[in-house]
Amino acid sequence: MLDRLEGFGYAVRIRDKNDRRVVIAQLTESGEEALNRVLDIRKHILQYCLAQLSPIELDSFVQTLEKLSNISAAMDPKTIIESDKSEHEQSGTSTN
């Protein structure tokens, strides 16, 4: 993916002077402009989609998002991942 971004002139690789194994990917000015265009398009699409909902549907949607946000804030991802791994190991299925 980084090769393609570089090919379009959207990103450059910067090597660490002290450790050549470290490579930093940085957006170019052109890359930042492209990203801003994509974010603006996403914003307009989301606004269009949300405008199709009735006030009741929108309220329900917002309540559901708030609930998911609270669940996400309270969870411990490491515990969930470990639990999922253990369930798959017990059933003989892979998590990959």
C-alpha atoms as a PDB file:
ATOM      1  CA  MET A   1       0.000   0.000   0.000  1.00  0.00           C
ATOM      2  CA  LEU A   2       2.802   2.414   0.856  1.00  0.00           C
ATOM      3  CA  ASP A   3       4.362   1.703  -2.541  1.00  0.00           C
ATOM      4  CA  ARG A   4       1.140   2.841  -4.208  1.00  0.00           C
ATOM      5  CA  LEU A   5       0.885   5.958  -2.042  1.00  0.00           C
ATOM      6  CA  GLU A   6       4.466   6.814  -2.974  1.00  0.00           C
ATOM      7  CA  GLY A   7       3.708   6.111  -6.618  1.00  0.00           C
ATOM      8  CA  PHE A   8       0.891   8.644  -6.569  1.00  0.00           C
ATOM      9  CA  GLY A   9       3.103  11.147  -4.767  1.00  0.00           C
ATOM     10  CA  TYR A  10       0.957  11.025  -1.623  1.00  0.00           C
ATOM     11  CA  ALA A  11       3.629   9.733   0.770  1.00  0.00           C
ATOM     12  CA  VAL A  12       7.365   9.467   1.240  1.00  0.00           C
ATOM     13  CA  ARG A  13       9.500   7.135   3.320  1.00  0.00           C
ATOM     14  CA  ILE A  14      11.925   8.730   5.723  1.00  0.00           C
ATOM     15  CA  ARG A  15      14.705   6.540   7.120  1.00  0.00           C
ATOM     16  CA  ASP A  16      15.844   6.987  10.703  1.00  0.00           C
ATOM     17  CA  LYS A  17      19.402   8.310  10.786  1.00  0.00           C
ATOM     18  CA  ASN A  18      20.312   6.165  13.797  1.00  0.00           C
ATOM     19  CA  ASP A  19      18.524   2.937  12.883  1.00  0.00           C
ATOM     20  CA  ARG A  20      18.070   2.089   9.212  1.00  0.00           C
ATOM     21  CA  ARG A  21      15.495  -0.542  10.134  1.00  0.00           C
ATOM     22  CA  VAL A  22      13.110   2.256  11.154  1.00  0.00           C
ATOM     23  CA  VAL A  23      11.118   3.777   8.316  1.00  0.00           C
ATOM     24  CA  ILE A  24       8.632   6.582   8.856  1.00  0.00           C
ATOM     25  CA  ALA A  25       5.835   7.064   6.324  1.00  0.00           C
ATOM     26  CA  GLN A  26       4.883  10.710   5.927  1.00  0.00           C
ATOM     27  CA  LEU A  27       2.142  12.278   3.862  1.00  0.00           C
ATOM     28  CA  THR A  28       3.220  14.788   1.265  1.00  0.00           C
ATOM     29  CA  GLU A  29       1.304  18.026   0.714  1.00  0.00           C
ATOM     30  CA  SER A  30      -0.438  16.283  -2.185  1.00  0.00           C
ATOM     31  CA  GLY A  31      -1.280  13.358   0.108  1.00  0.00           C
ATOM     32  CA  GLU A  32      -2.760  15.662   2.730  1.00  0.00           C
ATOM     33  CA  GLU A  33      -4.881  17.367   0.058  1.00  0.00           C
ATOM     34  CA  ALA A  34      -6.119  13.980  -1.207  1.00  0.00           C
ATOM     35  CA  LEU A  35      -6.897  12.851   2.352  1.00  0.00           C
ATOM     36  CA  ASN A  36      -8.857  16.045   3.015  1.00  0.00           C
ATOM     37  CA  ARG A  37     -10.876  15.499  -0.192  1.00  0.00           C
ATOM     38  CA  VAL A  38     -11.695  11.938   0.850  1.00  0.00           C
ATOM     39  CA  LEU A  39     -12.697  13.036   4.355  1.00  0.00           C
ATOM     40  CA  ASP A  40     -14.909  15.763   2.893  1.00  0.00           C
ATOM     41  CA  ILE A  41     -16.602  13.255   0.560  1.00  0.00           C
ATOM     42  CA  ARG A  42     -17.135  10.878   3.484  1.00  0.00           C
ATOM     43  CA  LYS A  43     -18.688  13.704   5.506  1.00  0.00           C
ATOM     44  CA  HIS A  44     -21.117  14.575   2.712  1.00  0.00           C
ATOM     45  CA  ILE A  45     -22.108  10.938   2.182  1.00  0.00           C
ATOM     46  CA  LEU A  46     -22.720  10.466   5.897  1.00  0.00           C
ATOM     47  CA  GLN A  47     -24.788  13.661   6.049  1.00  0.00           C
ATOM     48  CA  TYR A  48     -26.850  12.476   3.079  1.00  0.00           C
ATOM     49  CA  CYS A  49     -27.445   9.045   4.631  1.00  0.00           C
ATOM     50  CA  LEU A  50     -28.411  10.447   8.027  1.00  0.00           C
ATOM     51  CA  ALA A  51     -30.803  12.924   6.376  1.00  0.00           C
ATOM     52  CA  GLN A  52     -32.767   9.918   5.072  1.00  0.00           C
ATOM     53  CA  LEU A  53     -33.670   8.866   8.619  1.00  0.00           C
ATOM     54  CA  SER A  54     -36.771  10.055  10.407  1.00  0.00           C
ATOM     55  CA  PRO A  55     -36.267  11.889  13.712  1.00  0.00           C
ATOM     56  CA  ILE A  56     -37.284   8.722  15.588  1.00  0.00           C
ATOM     57  CA  GLU A  57     -34.856   6.568  13.575  1.00  0.00           C
ATOM     58  CA  LEU A  58     -32.087   9.121  14.088  1.00  0.00           C
ATOM     59  CA  ASP A  59     -32.722   9.190  17.833  1.00  0.00           C
ATOM     60  CA  SER A  60     -32.612   5.391  17.987  1.00  0.00           C
ATOM     61  CA  PHE A  61     -29.411   5.377  15.932  1.00  0.00           C
ATOM     62  CA  VAL A  62     -27.744   7.905  18.246  1.00  0.00           C
ATOM     63  CA  GLN A  63     -28.834   5.952  21.342  1.00  0.00           C
ATOM     64  CA  THR A  64     -27.374   2.762  19.868  1.00  0.00           C
ATOM     65  CA  LEU A  65     -24.086   4.507  19.040  1.00  0.00           C
ATOM     66  CA  GLU A  66     -23.916   5.908  22.569  1.00  0.00           C
ATOM     67  CA  LYS A  67     -24.510   2.427  23.997  1.00  0.00           C
ATOM     68  CA  LEU A  68     -21.774   0.949  21.785  1.00  0.00           C
ATOM     69  CA  SER A  69     -19.440   3.762  22.833  1.00  0.00           C
ATOM     70  CA  ASN A  70     -20.060   3.016  26.505  1.00  0.00           C
ATOM     71  CA  ILE A  71     -19.519  -0.711  25.971  1.00  0.00           C
ATOM     72  CA  SER A  72     -16.302  -0.025  24.098  1.00  0.00           C
ATOM     73  CA  ALA A  73     -15.021   2.369  26.763  1.00  0.00           C
ATOM     74  CA  ALA A  74     -15.672  -0.179  29.520  1.00  0.00           C
ATOM     75  CA  MET A  75     -14.206  -3.235  27.820  1.00  0.00           C
ATOM     76  CA  ASP A  76     -10.746  -4.701  28.168  1.00  0.00           C
ATOM     77  CA  PRO A  77      -9.665  -5.692  24.620  1.00  0.00           C
ATOM     78  CA  LYS A  78      -6.899  -7.980  25.877  1.00  0.00           C
ATOM     79  CA  THR A  79      -9.344 -10.036  27.937  1.00  0.00           C
ATOM     80  CA  ILE A  80     -11.748 -10.340  24.998  1.00  0.00           C
ATOM     81  CA  ILE A  81      -8.978 -11.393  22.608  1.00  0.00           C
ATOM     82  CA  GLU A  82      -7.611 -13.965  25.048  1.00  0.00           C
ATOM     83  CA  SER A  83     -11.125 -15.312  25.680  1.00  0.00           C
ATOM     84  CA  ASP A  84     -11.741 -15.577  21.935  1.00  0.00           C
ATOM     85  CA  LYS A  85      -8.427 -17.421  21.429  1.00  0.00           C
ATOM     86  CA  SER A  86      -9.242 -19.867  24.202  1.00  0.00           C
ATOM     87  CA  GLU A  87     -12.732 -20.555  22.780  1.00  0.00           C
ATOM     88  CA  HIS A  88     -11.257 -21.262  19.344  1.00  0.00           C
ATOM     89  CA  GLU A  89      -8.558 -23.491  20.811  1.00  0.00           C
ATOM     90  CA  GLN A  90     -11.185 -25.507  22.673  1.00  0.00           C
ATOM     91  CA  SER A  91     -13.310 -25.895  19.554  1.00  0.00           C
ATOM     92  CA  GLY A  92     -10.283 -26.620  17.329  1.00  0.00           C
ATOM     93  CA  THR A  93     -10.889 -23.622  15.031  1.00  0.00           C
ATOM     94  CA  SER A  94      -8.378 -20.950  14.127  1.00  0.00           C
ATOM     95  CA  THR A  95      -8.730 -17.221  14.900  1.00  0.00           C
ATOM     96  CA  ASN A  96      -6.700 -16.317  11.767  1.00  0.00           C
END
